[in-house]
Amino acid sequence: MSEKGEKSSSLDIFQLLEETTEKEKKKQREELLAPSGVSEFFVDGSITIDKRTCQGIECKLCVEVCPTNALFWRAGEVGITEELCVYCGACVLSCIVEDCIKIVRKRETGEVESFSKPRQVVVLQHRTNARKRLERIQNIFPKLENYLKRYGKSWSCVYATKTEL
């Protein structure tokens, strides 16, 4: 029994250490992003650049459009500062080579999004904006059941008016 007790307490210690380092990383990330004025929308993510296909020396567009300066020019190639990246996708939209920059990000809802082509970014933004518009409309306009409860009409009245038209 004492071995099980020791194992569970050691797991708790490691878990505490892991939580502490994650909190420290999050605090450091917030401090780094504060001067840029860019807010985070994603819980977690990663960004990779395929150095074999990158033509950064010819364009450097991804470096120019990055809102947090997470991408930078270094010794003939594009470098990444992971702590500064907010996984917005601006670099993928501006890149002249498809599948060169790949972003994988996780939303607060747990949904994981992955893209590496400008078209994928646009489709993803459109889908997200459509979802937000639908939520706003549902919040503004009452559902049929709530409308009927509020104004005291029954289904038969509504059905009768539809058939008379």
C-alpha atoms as a PDB file:
ATOM      1  CA  MET A   1       0.000   0.000   0.000  1.00  0.00           C
ATOM      2  CA  SER A   2       2.833   2.391   0.759  1.00  0.00           C
ATOM      3  CA  GLU A   3       4.157   2.024  -2.813  1.00  0.00           C
ATOM      4  CA  LYS A   4       0.820   3.112  -4.273  1.00  0.00           C
ATOM      5  CA  GLY A   5       0.726   6.089  -1.929  1.00  0.00           C
ATOM      6  CA  GLU A   6       4.240   7.092  -2.983  1.00  0.00           C
ATOM      7  CA  LYS A   7       3.399   6.755  -6.690  1.00  0.00           C
ATOM      8  CA  SER A   8       0.293   8.921  -6.447  1.00  0.00           C
ATOM      9  CA  SER A   9       2.144  11.610  -4.502  1.00  0.00           C
ATOM     10  CA  SER A  10       5.036  11.627  -7.006  1.00  0.00           C
ATOM     11  CA  LEU A  11       2.548  12.011  -9.853  1.00  0.00           C
ATOM     12  CA  ASP A  12       1.007  14.948  -8.055  1.00  0.00           C
ATOM     13  CA  ILE A  13       4.427  16.587  -7.674  1.00  0.00           C
ATOM     14  CA  PHE A  14       5.205  16.201 -11.370  1.00  0.00           C
ATOM     15  CA  GLN A  15       1.768  17.471 -12.272  1.00  0.00           C
ATOM     16  CA  LEU A  16       2.292  20.522 -10.075  1.00  0.00           C
ATOM     17  CA  LEU A  17       5.669  21.200 -11.667  1.00  0.00           C
ATOM     18  CA  GLU A  18       4.181  20.905 -15.152  1.00  0.00           C
ATOM     19  CA  GLU A  19       1.305  23.254 -14.277  1.00  0.00           C
ATOM     20  CA  THR A  20       3.761  25.765 -12.818  1.00  0.00           C
ATOM     21  CA  THR A  21       5.946  25.799 -15.931  1.00  0.00           C
ATOM     22  CA  GLU A  22       2.867  26.178 -18.155  1.00  0.00           C
ATOM     23  CA  LYS A  23       1.697  29.140 -16.064  1.00  0.00           C
ATOM     24  CA  GLU A  24       5.150  30.703 -16.300  1.00  0.00           C
ATOM     25  CA  LYS A  25       5.214  30.197 -20.078  1.00  0.00           C
ATOM     26  CA  LYS A  26       1.757  31.736 -20.414  1.00  0.00           C
ATOM     27  CA  LYS A  27       2.754  34.733 -18.291  1.00  0.00           C
ATOM     28  CA  GLN A  28       5.949  35.229 -20.317  1.00  0.00           C
ATOM     29  CA  ARG A  29       3.965  34.975 -23.557  1.00  0.00           C
ATOM     30  CA  GLU A  30       1.489  37.615 -22.341  1.00  0.00           C
ATOM     31  CA  GLU A  31       4.375  39.930 -21.452  1.00  0.00           C
ATOM     32  CA  LEU A  32       5.958  39.451 -24.881  1.00  0.00           C
ATOM     33  CA  LEU A  33       2.685  40.078 -26.739  1.00  0.00           C
ATOM     34  CA  ALA A  34       1.556  43.071 -24.652  1.00  0.00           C
ATOM     35  CA  PRO A  35       3.578  45.737 -26.558  1.00  0.00           C
ATOM     36  CA  SER A  36       2.272  44.546 -29.937  1.00  0.00           C
ATOM     37  CA  GLY A  37      -1.378  44.999 -28.902  1.00  0.00           C
ATOM     38  CA  VAL A  38      -2.297  41.675 -30.507  1.00  0.00           C
ATOM     39  CA  SER A  39      -4.606  39.428 -28.502  1.00  0.00           C
ATOM     40  CA  GLU A  40      -4.582  35.646 -28.517  1.00  0.00           C
ATOM     41  CA  PHE A  41      -7.554  33.699 -29.803  1.00  0.00           C
ATOM     42  CA  PHE A  42      -6.121  30.200 -29.696  1.00  0.00           C
ATOM     43  CA  VAL A  43      -5.258  27.961 -26.782  1.00  0.00           C
ATOM     44  CA  ASP A  44      -2.323  26.253 -28.443  1.00  0.00           C
ATOM     45  CA  GLY A  45      -0.678  25.917 -31.807  1.00  0.00           C
ATOM     46  CA  SER A  46       2.420  25.386 -33.869  1.00  0.00           C
ATOM     47  CA  ILE A  47       3.971  26.893 -36.965  1.00  0.00           C
ATOM     48  CA  THR A  48       6.504  25.294 -39.296  1.00  0.00           C
ATOM     49  CA  ILE A  49       8.262  26.510 -42.414  1.00  0.00           C
ATOM     50  CA  ASP A  50       9.520  24.094 -45.045  1.00  0.00           C
ATOM     51  CA  LYS A  51      13.035  25.445 -45.649  1.00  0.00           C
ATOM     52  CA  ARG A  52      13.354  23.442 -48.891  1.00  0.00           C
ATOM     53  CA  THR A  53      10.443  25.208 -50.615  1.00  0.00           C
ATOM     54  CA  CYS A  54      10.722  28.621 -48.934  1.00  0.00           C
ATOM     55  CA  GLN A  55      11.773  31.358 -51.327  1.00  0.00           C
ATOM     56  CA  GLY A  56      12.200  33.909 -48.569  1.00  0.00           C
ATOM     57  CA  ILE A  57      15.244  35.505 -50.099  1.00  0.00           C
ATOM     58  CA  GLU A  58      13.082  36.534 -53.062  1.00  0.00           C
ATOM     59  CA  CYS A  59      10.020  37.826 -51.250  1.00  0.00           C
ATOM     60  CA  LYS A  60      10.172  38.025 -47.425  1.00  0.00           C
ATOM     61  CA  LEU A  61       6.409  38.729 -47.507  1.00  0.00           C
ATOM     62  CA  CYS A  62       5.634  36.551 -44.490  1.00  0.00           C
ATOM     63  CA  VAL A  63       8.144  38.512 -42.402  1.00  0.00           C
ATOM     64  CA  GLU A  64       6.574  41.818 -43.437  1.00  0.00           C
ATOM     65  CA  VAL A  65       2.958  40.861 -42.650  1.00  0.00           C
ATOM     66  CA  CYS A  66       3.516  39.149 -39.290  1.00  0.00           C
ATOM     67  CA  PRO A  67       1.678  41.308 -36.702  1.00  0.00           C
ATOM     68  CA  THR A  68       3.844  40.173 -33.784  1.00  0.00           C
ATOM     69  CA  ASN A  69       7.237  39.929 -35.522  1.00  0.00           C
ATOM     70  CA  ALA A  70       7.349  36.199 -34.801  1.00  0.00           C
ATOM     71  CA  LEU A  71       8.913  35.667 -38.227  1.00  0.00           C
ATOM     72  CA  PHE A  72      12.267  37.257 -38.945  1.00  0.00           C
ATOM     73  CA  TRP A  73      15.046  37.133 -41.516  1.00  0.00           C
ATOM     74  CA  ARG A  74      18.150  35.286 -40.336  1.00  0.00           C
ATOM     75  CA  ALA A  75      21.224  34.158 -42.255  1.00  0.00           C
ATOM     76  CA  GLY A  76      19.504  33.565 -45.563  1.00  0.00           C
ATOM     77  CA  GLU A  77      16.301  32.003 -44.205  1.00  0.00           C
ATOM     78  CA  VAL A  78      13.124  32.853 -42.330  1.00  0.00           C
ATOM     79  CA  GLY A  79      13.318  32.203 -38.585  1.00  0.00           C
ATOM     80  CA  ILE A  80      10.451  31.688 -36.133  1.00  0.00           C
ATOM     81  CA  THR A  81      10.028  32.873 -32.560  1.00  0.00           C
ATOM     82  CA  GLU A  82       7.308  30.452 -31.380  1.00  0.00           C
ATOM     83  CA  GLU A  83       6.605  32.464 -28.227  1.00  0.00           C
ATOM     84  CA  LEU A  84       5.456  35.445 -30.305  1.00  0.00           C
ATOM     85  CA  CYS A  85       3.315  33.621 -32.887  1.00  0.00           C
ATOM     86  CA  VAL A  86      -0.455  33.945 -32.385  1.00  0.00           C
ATOM     87  CA  TYR A  87      -1.255  31.573 -35.280  1.00  0.00           C
ATOM     88  CA  CYS A  88      -3.298  34.173 -37.157  1.00  0.00           C
ATOM     89  CA  GLY A  89      -2.457  32.874 -40.647  1.00  0.00           C
ATOM     90  CA  ALA A  90      -1.314  36.181 -42.171  1.00  0.00           C
ATOM     91  CA  CYS A  91       1.960  34.586 -43.212  1.00  0.00           C
ATOM     92  CA  VAL A  92       0.194  31.726 -45.008  1.00  0.00           C
ATOM     93  CA  LEU A  93      -2.044  34.207 -46.850  1.00  0.00           C
ATOM     94  CA  SER A  94       0.920  36.212 -48.103  1.00  0.00           C
ATOM     95  CA  CYS A  95       3.295  33.353 -48.931  1.00  0.00           C
ATOM     96  CA  ILE A  96       3.960  32.875 -52.654  1.00  0.00           C
ATOM     97  CA  VAL A  97       4.593  29.129 -52.236  1.00  0.00           C
ATOM     98  CA  GLU A  98       1.728  26.843 -51.235  1.00  0.00           C
ATOM     99  CA  ASP A  99       2.403  24.327 -48.451  1.00  0.00           C
ATOM    100  CA  CYS A 100       5.520  26.208 -47.362  1.00  0.00           C
ATOM    101  CA  ILE A 101       4.178  27.521 -44.044  1.00  0.00           C
ATOM    102  CA  LYS A 102       1.957  25.196 -42.018  1.00  0.00           C
ATOM    103  CA  ILE A 103      -0.076  26.294 -39.007  1.00  0.00           C
ATOM    104  CA  VAL A 104      -1.910  24.007 -36.604  1.00  0.00           C
ATOM    105  CA  ARG A 105      -3.963  25.747 -33.935  1.00  0.00           C
ATOM    106  CA  LYS A 106      -6.459  24.789 -31.245  1.00  0.00           C
ATOM    107  CA  ARG A 107      -9.481  26.907 -30.329  1.00  0.00           C
ATOM    108  CA  GLU A 108     -10.957  27.215 -26.827  1.00  0.00           C
ATOM    109  CA  THR A 109     -13.755  24.868 -27.926  1.00  0.00           C
ATOM    110  CA  GLY A 110     -11.157  22.143 -28.544  1.00  0.00           C
ATOM    111  CA  GLU A 111     -11.490  22.363 -32.329  1.00  0.00           C
ATOM    112  CA  VAL A 112      -8.137  21.864 -34.079  1.00  0.00           C
ATOM    113  CA  GLU A 113      -7.529  23.720 -37.337  1.00  0.00           C
ATOM    114  CA  SER A 114      -4.674  23.019 -39.727  1.00  0.00           C
ATOM    115  CA  PHE A 115      -3.835  24.922 -42.902  1.00  0.00           C
ATOM    116  CA  SER A 116      -0.952  25.617 -45.255  1.00  0.00           C
ATOM    117  CA  LYS A 117      -2.600  27.193 -48.308  1.00  0.00           C
ATOM    118  CA  PRO A 118      -4.127  30.673 -48.681  1.00  0.00           C
ATOM    119  CA  ARG A 119      -7.419  29.191 -49.893  1.00  0.00           C
ATOM    120  CA  GLN A 120      -7.695  27.102 -46.713  1.00  0.00           C
ATOM    121  CA  VAL A 121      -7.238  30.233 -44.586  1.00  0.00           C
ATOM    122  CA  VAL A 122      -9.963  32.110 -46.470  1.00  0.00           C
ATOM    123  CA  VAL A 123     -12.398  29.181 -46.251  1.00  0.00           C
ATOM    124  CA  LEU A 124     -11.681  28.824 -42.534  1.00  0.00           C
ATOM    125  CA  GLN A 125     -12.258  32.542 -41.918  1.00  0.00           C
ATOM    126  CA  HIS A 126     -15.491  32.452 -43.915  1.00  0.00           C
ATOM    127  CA  ARG A 127     -16.766  29.449 -41.951  1.00  0.00           C
ATOM    128  CA  THR A 128     -15.871  31.096 -38.625  1.00  0.00           C
ATOM    129  CA  ASN A 129     -17.536  34.388 -39.587  1.00  0.00           C
ATOM    130  CA  ALA A 130     -20.663  32.581 -40.808  1.00  0.00           C
ATOM    131  CA  ARG A 131     -20.904  30.750 -37.484  1.00  0.00           C
ATOM    132  CA  LYS A 132     -20.575  34.047 -35.579  1.00  0.00           C
ATOM    133  CA  ARG A 133     -23.244  35.715 -37.750  1.00  0.00           C
ATOM    134  CA  LEU A 134     -25.647  32.826 -37.124  1.00  0.00           C
ATOM    135  CA  GLU A 135     -25.057  33.046 -33.354  1.00  0.00           C
ATOM    136  CA  ARG A 136     -25.757  36.807 -33.399  1.00  0.00           C
ATOM    137  CA  ILE A 137     -28.974  36.309 -35.370  1.00  0.00           C
ATOM    138  CA  GLN A 138     -30.122  33.560 -33.005  1.00  0.00           C
ATOM    139  CA  ASN A 139     -29.462  35.854 -30.042  1.00  0.00           C
ATOM    140  CA  ILE A 140     -31.360  38.776 -31.564  1.00  0.00           C
ATOM    141  CA  PHE A 141     -34.410  37.027 -32.977  1.00  0.00           C
ATOM    142  CA  PRO A 142     -36.523  34.768 -30.763  1.00  0.00           C
ATOM    143  CA  LYS A 143     -37.175  31.158 -31.662  1.00  0.00           C
ATOM    144  CA  LEU A 144     -40.681  30.284 -32.799  1.00  0.00           C
ATOM    145  CA  GLU A 145     -41.547  28.524 -29.535  1.00  0.00           C
ATOM    146  CA  ASN A 146     -40.418  31.503 -27.454  1.00  0.00           C
ATOM    147  CA  TYR A 147     -42.341  33.886 -29.711  1.00  0.00           C
ATOM    148  CA  LEU A 148     -45.523  31.869 -29.334  1.00  0.00           C
ATOM    149  CA  LYS A 149     -45.130  31.680 -25.553  1.00  0.00           C
ATOM    150  CA  ARG A 150     -44.510  35.402 -25.343  1.00  0.00           C
ATOM    151  CA  TYR A 151     -47.456  36.480 -27.480  1.00  0.00           C
ATOM    152  CA  GLY A 152     -49.834  33.688 -26.439  1.00  0.00           C
ATOM    153  CA  LYS A 153     -50.566  32.266 -29.864  1.00  0.00           C
ATOM    154  CA  SER A 154     -50.934  28.573 -30.410  1.00  0.00           C
ATOM    155  CA  TRP A 155     -49.642  26.392 -33.217  1.00  0.00           C
ATOM    156  CA  SER A 156     -53.160  26.039 -34.612  1.00  0.00           C
ATOM    157  CA  CYS A 157     -53.463  29.818 -35.079  1.00  0.00           C
ATOM    158  CA  VAL A 158     -50.164  29.974 -36.899  1.00  0.00           C
ATOM    159  CA  TYR A 159     -51.049  26.989 -39.084  1.00  0.00           C
ATOM    160  CA  ALA A 160     -54.499  28.411 -39.871  1.00  0.00           C
ATOM    161  CA  THR A 161     -53.067  31.748 -41.030  1.00  0.00           C
ATOM    162  CA  LYS A 162     -50.562  29.977 -43.275  1.00  0.00           C
ATOM    163  CA  THR A 163     -53.225  27.836 -44.974  1.00  0.00           C
ATOM    164  CA  GLU A 164     -55.539  30.810 -45.511  1.00  0.00           C
ATOM    165  CA  LEU A 165     -52.812  32.622 -47.453  1.00  0.00           C
END
